[in-house]
Amino acid sequence: MVKTIFILVLVGAIVGATIASFVVPPALAWYTSPGGLPQGAQIQAVVQIPEVIKYATGRLIRGQLIGGGIGASVGLVVGLMIFFRGRQRRLQPKP
């Protein structure tokens, strides 16, 4: 039974990190884009490219860690629910 719970936790972590890989980049682009500009307006800025890359990859990895943690937690809860439901069925007296 512990093996099943562990597998569900790992699967949840992988699914959570995968979902975060698709959700975080658009959210990061939305969060960093300036608002209130007219259509077609250009922003003039001097940017340090290595710092931008470090910021973006750091946020992506942080999002994947959070997604993996949430997925692992969901997997743990599902595994424990399956374990305790099966245990209750075994403990009930048969008529």
Protein backbone atom coordinates (compact mmCIF):
# COMPACT_ATOMS: atom_id res chain seq x y z
CA MET A 1 0.00 0.00 0.00
CA VAL A 2 2.90 2.36 0.73
CA LYS A 3 4.18 1.64 -2.77
CA THR A 4 0.86 2.77 -4.26
CA ILE A 5 0.86 5.98 -2.21
CA PHE A 6 4.47 6.69 -3.20
CA ILE A 7 3.66 6.14 -6.90
CA LEU A 8 0.66 8.49 -6.65
CA VAL A 9 2.83 11.15 -4.98
CA LEU A 10 5.45 10.89 -7.75
CA VAL A 11 2.86 10.95 -10.51
CA GLY A 12 1.20 13.96 -8.89
CA ALA A 13 4.53 15.78 -8.69
CA ILE A 14 5.30 15.08 -12.35
CA VAL A 15 1.82 16.14 -13.49
CA GLY A 16 1.99 19.29 -11.35
CA ALA A 17 5.39 20.28 -12.75
CA THR A 18 4.19 19.59 -16.29
CA ILE A 19 1.10 21.74 -15.85
CA ALA A 20 3.24 24.49 -14.34
CA SER A 21 5.52 24.34 -17.40
CA PHE A 22 2.54 25.32 -19.55
CA VAL A 23 0.93 27.81 -17.13
CA VAL A 24 3.90 29.77 -15.78
CA PRO A 25 5.37 31.21 -19.05
CA PRO A 26 2.11 32.93 -20.14
CA ALA A 27 1.51 34.13 -16.59
CA LEU A 28 5.05 35.46 -16.43
CA ALA A 29 4.62 37.23 -19.78
CA TRP A 30 1.34 38.76 -18.60
CA TYR A 31 2.86 39.86 -15.29
CA THR A 32 5.87 41.56 -16.87
CA SER A 33 4.12 43.23 -19.82
CA PRO A 34 3.32 46.92 -19.43
CA GLY A 35 -0.32 47.87 -19.46
CA GLY A 36 -2.15 50.89 -20.78
CA LEU A 37 -0.12 51.31 -23.98
CA PRO A 38 -1.87 52.11 -27.23
CA GLN A 39 -1.88 49.36 -29.86
CA GLY A 40 1.43 49.20 -31.73
CA ALA A 41 3.35 51.46 -29.31
CA GLN A 42 6.95 50.49 -28.76
CA ILE A 43 8.70 50.56 -25.40
CA GLN A 44 12.23 51.86 -25.39
CA ALA A 45 14.26 50.27 -22.66
CA VAL A 46 17.83 49.27 -21.98
CA VAL A 47 17.79 45.70 -20.76
CA GLN A 48 20.48 43.52 -19.25
CA ILE A 49 19.82 40.27 -21.11
CA PRO A 50 21.62 37.94 -18.63
CA GLU A 51 19.55 39.36 -15.77
CA VAL A 52 16.32 38.93 -17.73
CA ILE A 53 17.19 35.31 -18.54
CA LYS A 54 18.13 34.61 -14.92
CA TYR A 55 14.85 36.17 -13.72
CA ALA A 56 12.68 34.28 -16.22
CA THR A 57 14.29 30.88 -15.67
CA GLY A 58 14.27 31.37 -11.91
CA ARG A 59 10.55 32.11 -11.96
CA LEU A 60 9.86 29.14 -14.24
CA ILE A 61 11.76 26.75 -11.98
CA ARG A 62 10.03 28.18 -8.90
CA GLY A 63 6.65 27.69 -10.59
CA GLN A 64 7.56 24.10 -11.46
CA LEU A 65 8.59 23.43 -7.85
CA ILE A 66 5.32 24.86 -6.57
CA GLY A 67 3.34 22.86 -9.14
CA GLY A 68 5.25 19.70 -8.26
CA GLY A 69 4.61 20.26 -4.56
CA ILE A 70 0.91 20.81 -5.13
CA GLY A 71 0.72 17.73 -7.36
CA ALA A 72 2.59 15.61 -4.80
CA SER A 73 0.21 16.80 -2.08
CA VAL A 74 -2.81 15.90 -4.17
CA GLY A 75 -1.27 12.49 -4.92
CA LEU A 76 -0.66 11.93 -1.22
CA VAL A 77 -4.24 12.83 -0.32
CA VAL A 78 -5.64 10.56 -3.03
CA GLY A 79 -3.36 7.72 -1.94
CA LEU A 80 -4.36 8.09 1.69
CA MET A 81 -8.04 8.20 0.76
CA ILE A 82 -7.68 4.98 -1.22
CA PHE A 83 -5.76 3.36 1.65
CA PHE A 84 -8.25 4.28 4.37
CA ARG A 85 -11.31 3.40 2.26
CA GLY A 86 -9.91 -0.04 1.58
CA ARG A 87 -9.06 -0.44 5.25
CA GLN A 88 -12.59 0.50 6.34
CA ARG A 89 -14.08 -2.06 3.96
CA ARG A 90 -11.84 -4.78 5.40
CA LEU A 91 -12.72 -3.87 8.98
CA GLN A 92 -16.50 -3.91 8.46
CA PRO A 93 -18.12 -7.14 9.63
CA LYS A 94 -19.60 -9.25 6.88
CA PRO A 95 -23.26 -10.22 7.30
